[in-house]
Amino acid sequence: MNINMSIGPLIALIAGVLILIVPRLLSYIVAIYLIVIGLLGLFGPLRL
């Protein structure tokens, strides 16, 4: 059985739960997300 799961929704789910638990993490999570999206935009998606 193949499990094909996109990483975006998984990261969003984890980030949402962490923000609910510790609201101070919001700025860090947003900053990391923006950095990752920026790097993917510059260098393209990683091929694993």
PDB file of N, CA and C in Angstrom:
ATOM      1  N   MET A   1       0.845  -1.167   0.000  1.00  0.00           N
ATOM      2  CA  MET A   1       0.000   0.000   0.000  1.00  0.00           C
ATOM      3  C   MET A   1       0.898   1.240   0.000  1.00  0.00           C
ATOM      4  N   ASN A   2       0.619   2.157  -0.901  1.00  0.00           N
ATOM      5  CA  ASN A   2       1.381   3.397  -0.964  1.00  0.00           C
ATOM      6  C   ASN A   2       0.653   4.489  -0.196  1.00  0.00           C
ATOM      7  N   ILE A   3       1.387   5.166   0.667  1.00  0.00           N
ATOM      8  CA  ILE A   3       0.823   6.302   1.385  1.00  0.00           C
ATOM      9  C   ILE A   3       1.482   7.547   0.816  1.00  0.00           C
ATOM     10  N   ASN A   4       0.715   8.283   0.027  1.00  0.00           N
ATOM     11  CA  ASN A   4       1.236   9.491  -0.589  1.00  0.00           C
ATOM     12  C   ASN A   4       0.616  10.681   0.129  1.00  0.00           C
ATOM     13  N   MET A   5       1.433  11.388   0.927  1.00  0.00           N
ATOM     14  CA  MET A   5       0.916  12.478   1.729  1.00  0.00           C
ATOM     15  C   MET A   5       1.721  13.727   1.449  1.00  0.00           C
ATOM     16  N   SER A   6       1.034  14.808   1.215  1.00  0.00           N
ATOM     17  CA  SER A   6       1.710  16.072   0.980  1.00  0.00           C
ATOM     18  C   SER A   6       2.217  16.618   2.311  1.00  0.00           C
ATOM     19  N   ILE A   7       3.386  17.219   2.290  1.00  0.00           N
ATOM     20  CA  ILE A   7       3.999  17.709   3.523  1.00  0.00           C
ATOM     21  C   ILE A   7       3.342  19.008   3.998  1.00  0.00           C
ATOM     22  N   GLY A   8       2.776  19.794   3.096  1.00  0.00           N
ATOM     23  CA  GLY A   8       2.175  21.082   3.453  1.00  0.00           C
ATOM     24  C   GLY A   8       1.058  20.969   4.475  1.00  0.00           C
ATOM     25  N   PRO A   9       0.038  20.159   4.191  1.00  0.00           N
ATOM     26  CA  PRO A   9      -1.044  20.033   5.169  1.00  0.00           C
ATOM     27  C   PRO A   9      -0.598  19.439   6.501  1.00  0.00           C
ATOM     28  N   LEU A  10       0.362  18.541   6.466  1.00  0.00           N
ATOM     29  CA  LEU A  10       0.865  17.960   7.715  1.00  0.00           C
ATOM     30  C   LEU A  10       1.544  19.024   8.567  1.00  0.00           C
ATOM     31  N   ILE A  11       2.372  19.854   7.935  1.00  0.00           N
ATOM     32  CA  ILE A  11       3.052  20.936   8.672  1.00  0.00           C
ATOM     33  C   ILE A  11       2.026  21.933   9.205  1.00  0.00           C
ATOM     34  N   ALA A  12       1.010  22.246   8.402  1.00  0.00           N
ATOM     35  CA  ALA A  12      -0.022  23.177   8.844  1.00  0.00           C
ATOM     36  C   ALA A  12      -0.772  22.632  10.061  1.00  0.00           C
ATOM     37  N   LEU A  13      -1.057  21.340  10.055  1.00  0.00           N
ATOM     38  CA  LEU A  13      -1.754  20.727  11.180  1.00  0.00           C
ATOM     39  C   LEU A  13      -0.908  20.775  12.449  1.00  0.00           C
ATOM     40  N   ILE A  14       0.352  20.418  12.330  1.00  0.00           N
ATOM     41  CA  ILE A  14       1.255  20.440  13.484  1.00  0.00           C
ATOM     42  C   ILE A  14       1.413  21.865  14.002  1.00  0.00           C
ATOM     43  N   ALA A  15       1.583  22.829  13.087  1.00  0.00           N
ATOM     44  CA  ALA A  15       1.739  24.226  13.493  1.00  0.00           C
ATOM     45  C   ALA A  15       0.487  24.724  14.203  1.00  0.00           C
ATOM     46  N   GLY A  16      -0.680  24.366  13.684  1.00  0.00           N
ATOM     47  CA  GLY A  16      -1.927  24.793  14.314  1.00  0.00           C
ATOM     48  C   GLY A  16      -2.069  24.261  15.731  1.00  0.00           C
ATOM     49  N   VAL A  17      -1.729  23.011  15.925  1.00  0.00           N
ATOM     50  CA  VAL A  17      -1.807  22.418  17.269  1.00  0.00           C
ATOM     51  C   VAL A  17      -0.808  23.100  18.211  1.00  0.00           C
ATOM     52  N   LEU A  18       0.405  23.332  17.730  1.00  0.00           N
ATOM     53  CA  LEU A  18       1.404  23.997  18.576  1.00  0.00           C
ATOM     54  C   LEU A  18       0.979  25.415  18.945  1.00  0.00           C
ATOM     55  N   ILE A  19       0.372  26.136  18.004  1.00  0.00           N
ATOM     56  CA  ILE A  19      -0.089  27.496  18.297  1.00  0.00           C
ATOM     57  C   ILE A  19      -1.204  27.470  19.334  1.00  0.00           C
ATOM     58  N   LEU A  20      -2.086  26.465  19.263  1.00  0.00           N
ATOM     59  CA  LEU A  20      -3.143  26.361  20.267  1.00  0.00           C
ATOM     60  C   LEU A  20      -2.563  26.077  21.649  1.00  0.00           C
ATOM     61  N   ILE A  21      -1.525  25.247  21.700  1.00  0.00           N
ATOM     62  CA  ILE A  21      -0.935  24.871  22.986  1.00  0.00           C
ATOM     63  C   ILE A  21      -0.088  26.009  23.551  1.00  0.00           C
ATOM     64  N   VAL A  22       0.760  26.598  22.704  1.00  0.00           N
ATOM     65  CA  VAL A  22       1.678  27.659  23.143  1.00  0.00           C
ATOM     66  C   VAL A  22       1.549  28.839  22.173  1.00  0.00           C
ATOM     67  N   PRO A  23       0.671  29.795  22.461  1.00  0.00           N
ATOM     68  CA  PRO A  23       0.437  30.906  21.531  1.00  0.00           C
ATOM     69  C   PRO A  23       1.685  31.748  21.236  1.00  0.00           C
ATOM     70  N   ARG A  24       2.666  31.747  22.130  1.00  0.00           N
ATOM     71  CA  ARG A  24       3.886  32.527  21.877  1.00  0.00           C
ATOM     72  C   ARG A  24       4.672  31.993  20.696  1.00  0.00           C
ATOM     73  N   LEU A  25       4.420  30.742  20.290  1.00  0.00           N
ATOM     74  CA  LEU A  25       5.146  30.157  19.158  1.00  0.00           C
ATOM     75  C   LEU A  25       4.680  30.705  17.815  1.00  0.00           C
ATOM     76  N   LEU A  26       3.583  31.453  17.790  1.00  0.00           N
ATOM     77  CA  LEU A  26       3.017  31.906  16.527  1.00  0.00           C
ATOM     78  C   LEU A  26       4.028  32.653  15.670  1.00  0.00           C
ATOM     79  N   SER A  27       4.732  33.607  16.245  1.00  0.00           N
ATOM     80  CA  SER A  27       5.675  34.395  15.449  1.00  0.00           C
ATOM     81  C   SER A  27       6.825  33.531  14.929  1.00  0.00           C
ATOM     82  N   TYR A  28       7.294  32.576  15.720  1.00  0.00           N
ATOM     83  CA  TYR A  28       8.371  31.693  15.269  1.00  0.00           C
ATOM     84  C   TYR A  28       7.902  30.775  14.148  1.00  0.00           C
ATOM     85  N   ILE A  29       6.705  30.228  14.296  1.00  0.00           N
ATOM     86  CA  ILE A  29       6.187  29.314  13.284  1.00  0.00           C
ATOM     87  C   ILE A  29       5.962  30.053  11.972  1.00  0.00           C
ATOM     88  N   VAL A  30       5.414  31.268  12.037  1.00  0.00           N
ATOM     89  CA  VAL A  30       5.195  32.053  10.823  1.00  0.00           C
ATOM     90  C   VAL A  30       6.526  32.401  10.176  1.00  0.00           C
ATOM     91  N   ALA A  31       7.514  32.785  10.966  1.00  0.00           N
ATOM     92  CA  ALA A  31       8.819  33.137  10.417  1.00  0.00           C
ATOM     93  C   ALA A  31       9.473  31.937   9.731  1.00  0.00           C
ATOM     94  N   ILE A  32       9.433  30.785  10.371  1.00  0.00           N
ATOM     95  CA  ILE A  32      10.030  29.581   9.778  1.00  0.00           C
ATOM     96  C   ILE A  32       9.294  29.205   8.495  1.00  0.00           C
ATOM     97  N   TYR A  33       7.975  29.314   8.516  1.00  0.00           N
ATOM     98  CA  TYR A  33       7.184  28.996   7.321  1.00  0.00           C
ATOM     99  C   TYR A  33       7.569  29.915   6.162  1.00  0.00           C
ATOM    100  N   LEU A  34       7.673  31.202   6.433  1.00  0.00           N
ATOM    101  CA  LEU A  34       8.022  32.149   5.371  1.00  0.00           C
ATOM    102  C   LEU A  34       9.423  31.895   4.833  1.00  0.00           C
ATOM    103  N   ILE A  35      10.360  31.548   5.700  1.00  0.00           N
ATOM    104  CA  ILE A  35      11.723  31.240   5.258  1.00  0.00           C
ATOM    105  C   ILE A  35      11.723  30.001   4.372  1.00  0.00           C
ATOM    106  N   VAL A  36      11.008  28.967   4.774  1.00  0.00           N
ATOM    107  CA  VAL A  36      10.963  27.734   3.987  1.00  0.00           C
ATOM    108  C   VAL A  36      10.318  27.986   2.628  1.00  0.00           C
ATOM    109  N   ILE A  37       9.205  28.723   2.606  1.00  0.00           N
ATOM    110  CA  ILE A  37       8.530  29.023   1.339  1.00  0.00           C
ATOM    111  C   ILE A  37       9.446  29.864   0.446  1.00  0.00           C
ATOM    112  N   GLY A  38      10.160  30.798   1.036  1.00  0.00           N
ATOM    113  CA  GLY A  38      11.090  31.612   0.258  1.00  0.00           C
ATOM    114  C   GLY A  38      12.216  30.785  -0.338  1.00  0.00           C
ATOM    115  N   LEU A  39      12.780  29.874   0.453  1.00  0.00           N
ATOM    116  CA  LEU A  39      13.860  29.020  -0.050  1.00  0.00           C
ATOM    117  C   LEU A  39      13.361  28.082  -1.141  1.00  0.00           C
ATOM    118  N   LEU A  40      12.161  27.547  -0.961  1.00  0.00           N
ATOM    119  CA  LEU A  40      11.597  26.678  -2.005  1.00  0.00           C
ATOM    120  C   LEU A  40      11.328  27.467  -3.281  1.00  0.00           C
ATOM    121  N   GLY A  41      10.930  28.720  -3.130  1.00  0.00           N
ATOM    122  CA  GLY A  41      10.687  29.547  -4.294  1.00  0.00           C
ATOM    123  C   GLY A  41      11.977  29.856  -5.045  1.00  0.00           C
ATOM    124  N   LEU A  42      13.051  30.032  -4.314  1.00  0.00           N
ATOM    125  CA  LEU A  42      14.342  30.350  -4.951  1.00  0.00           C
ATOM    126  C   LEU A  42      14.999  29.132  -5.576  1.00  0.00           C
ATOM    127  N   PHE A  43      14.987  28.030  -4.854  1.00  0.00           N
ATOM    128  CA  PHE A  43      15.754  26.843  -5.290  1.00  0.00           C
ATOM    129  C   PHE A  43      14.894  25.717  -5.845  1.00  0.00           C
ATOM    130  N   GLY A  44      13.585  25.846  -5.784  1.00  0.00           N
ATOM    131  CA  GLY A  44      12.689  24.808  -6.279  1.00  0.00           C
ATOM    132  C   GLY A  44      12.487  23.731  -5.233  1.00  0.00           C
ATOM    133  N   PRO A  45      11.491  22.886  -5.446  1.00  0.00           N
ATOM    134  CA  PRO A  45      11.198  21.824  -4.480  1.00  0.00           C
ATOM    135  C   PRO A  45      12.330  20.800  -4.418  1.00  0.00           C
ATOM    136  N   LEU A  46      12.526  20.248  -3.251  1.00  0.00           N
ATOM    137  CA  LEU A  46      13.556  19.228  -3.070  1.00  0.00           C
ATOM    138  C   LEU A  46      13.078  17.904  -3.630  1.00  0.00           C
ATOM    139  N   ARG A  47      13.929  17.200  -4.277  1.00  0.00           N
ATOM    140  CA  ARG A  47      13.582  15.881  -4.819  1.00  0.00           C
ATOM    141  C   ARG A  47      14.268  14.817  -3.958  1.00  0.00           C
ATOM    142  N   LEU A  48      13.445  14.084  -3.203  1.00  0.00           N
ATOM    143  CA  LEU A  48      14.000  13.068  -2.314  1.00  0.00           C
ATOM    144  C   LEU A  48      13.924  11.696  -2.935  1.00  0.00           C
TER     145      LEU A  48
END
